[in-house]
Amino acid sequence: MDLLEFVNRFVKKSDIYVPAAILFLINNKGKATKNQIAKLIYIFEHKKSVKEYEEIVDKMVKSVLLEYDIIEIRRYGFKLKRWPIEERKLKEIQRKCMYSLNGFFIPVNDVF
């Protein structure tokens, strides 16, 4: 399943963990560590410790994205399987993920 299809089918309004991970991966050229994603979620939600968010990323986010063949595990962390992504699809994925997160991760250039 490609990333856009996955986002269209499974990312719902008010989801936090998976859309945040997807946005981080996209903005970091398709690569991320568990700790990087956990810190981003910590900044957004700030209800648990970074260590607890690392467990969520490791147990929930990783398993969901692996199950749907979105990421692969590398020595440094996660990598999107189909990277780079076509610009049109990329913008649609970002729009849907940001909508799910109430616009929290809108790039500054898109605001001003």
Protein backbone atom coordinates (compact mmCIF):
# COMPACT_ATOMS: atom_id res chain seq x y z
CA MET A 1 0.00 0.00 0.00
CA ASP A 2 1.39 3.41 -0.83
CA LEU A 3 1.54 6.17 1.77
CA LEU A 4 -1.25 8.33 0.31
CA GLU A 5 -3.63 5.37 0.18
CA PHE A 6 -2.71 4.48 3.78
CA VAL A 7 -3.32 8.05 4.98
CA ASN A 8 -6.65 8.26 3.13
CA ARG A 9 -7.87 4.98 4.60
CA PHE A 10 -6.54 5.00 8.14
CA VAL A 11 -5.62 8.47 9.40
CA LYS A 12 -8.63 10.02 11.13
CA LYS A 13 -9.29 13.41 12.71
CA SER A 14 -7.56 13.72 16.09
CA ASP A 15 -5.14 10.85 15.48
CA ILE A 16 -1.78 11.92 16.85
CA TYR A 17 0.95 9.31 16.82
CA VAL A 18 0.92 7.91 13.28
CA PRO A 19 0.32 11.25 11.46
CA ALA A 20 3.05 12.93 13.52
CA ALA A 21 5.46 10.11 12.63
CA ILE A 22 4.56 10.37 8.94
CA LEU A 23 5.05 14.14 8.92
CA PHE A 24 8.39 13.82 10.68
CA LEU A 25 9.56 11.18 8.21
CA ILE A 26 8.51 13.35 5.26
CA ASN A 27 10.18 16.46 6.64
CA ASN A 28 13.36 14.52 7.44
CA LYS A 29 13.84 13.11 3.91
CA GLY A 30 12.15 9.79 4.68
CA LYS A 31 14.26 8.87 7.73
CA ALA A 32 13.75 9.10 11.49
CA THR A 33 14.69 7.54 14.79
CA LYS A 34 12.26 6.42 17.45
CA ASN A 35 13.60 9.14 19.76
CA GLN A 36 13.11 11.93 17.21
CA ILE A 37 9.47 11.01 16.65
CA ALA A 38 8.89 10.58 20.40
CA LYS A 39 10.28 14.06 21.10
CA LEU A 40 8.02 15.59 18.46
CA ILE A 41 4.96 13.90 19.96
CA TYR A 42 6.08 14.99 23.43
CA ILE A 43 6.17 18.63 22.28
CA PHE A 44 2.70 18.28 20.75
CA GLU A 45 0.90 16.31 23.45
CA HIS A 46 3.08 16.70 26.59
CA LYS A 47 1.10 14.18 28.68
CA LYS A 48 3.80 11.54 29.13
CA SER A 49 7.58 11.42 29.32
CA VAL A 50 9.71 11.14 26.18
CA LYS A 51 10.59 7.58 27.25
CA GLU A 52 6.89 6.64 27.35
CA TYR A 53 6.40 8.16 23.90
CA GLU A 54 9.38 6.14 22.65
CA GLU A 55 7.54 3.00 23.81
CA ILE A 56 4.38 4.13 21.97
CA VAL A 57 6.40 4.77 18.81
CA ASP A 58 8.17 1.42 19.15
CA LYS A 59 5.10 -0.68 19.93
CA MET A 60 2.23 1.06 18.15
CA VAL A 61 3.47 3.37 15.40
CA LYS A 62 6.22 1.03 14.20
CA SER A 63 3.90 -1.98 14.10
CA VAL A 64 1.16 -0.16 12.20
CA LEU A 65 3.54 1.29 9.61
CA LEU A 66 5.36 -2.05 9.21
CA GLU A 67 2.08 -3.96 8.86
CA TYR A 68 1.01 -1.77 5.95
CA ASP A 69 4.49 -1.84 4.38
CA ILE A 70 5.06 1.91 4.79
CA ILE A 71 8.45 1.79 6.52
CA GLU A 72 11.45 -0.46 6.82
CA ILE A 73 13.70 -0.77 9.85
CA ARG A 74 17.27 0.38 9.38
CA ARG A 75 20.25 0.51 11.71
CA TYR A 76 19.53 4.17 12.57
CA GLY A 77 15.74 3.82 12.82
CA PHE A 78 12.90 4.00 10.30
CA LYS A 79 12.91 4.73 6.58
CA LEU A 80 9.93 5.30 4.30
CA LYS A 81 9.91 2.48 1.75
CA ARG A 82 8.86 4.62 -1.17
CA TRP A 83 11.02 7.71 -0.92
CA PRO A 84 11.11 10.22 -2.55
CA ILE A 85 7.38 10.75 -3.03
CA GLU A 86 5.85 12.58 -5.98
CA GLU A 87 5.26 16.26 -5.09
CA ARG A 88 1.48 16.17 -5.64
CA LYS A 89 1.07 13.12 -3.40
CA LEU A 90 3.42 14.59 -0.83
CA LYS A 91 1.33 17.75 -0.44
CA GLU A 92 -1.88 15.71 -0.12
CA ILE A 93 -0.33 13.43 2.54
CA GLN A 94 0.94 16.44 4.49
CA ARG A 95 -2.43 18.20 4.24
CA LYS A 96 -4.34 15.18 5.54
CA CYS A 97 -1.88 14.52 8.38
CA MET A 98 -1.85 18.19 9.44
CA TYR A 99 -5.65 18.26 9.38
CA SER A 100 -5.66 15.25 11.69
CA LEU A 101 -3.32 17.12 14.05
CA ASN A 102 -5.36 20.36 13.90
CA GLY A 103 -2.64 22.11 11.90
CA PHE A 104 -0.01 21.87 14.65
CA PHE A 105 2.80 21.02 12.22
CA ILE A 106 2.06 23.58 9.50
CA PRO A 107 5.38 24.80 8.10
CA VAL A 108 6.09 28.47 8.89
CA ASN A 109 6.44 29.28 5.17
CA ASP A 110 2.81 28.19 4.61
CA VAL A 111 1.54 30.59 7.27
CA PHE A 112 3.32 33.83 6.34
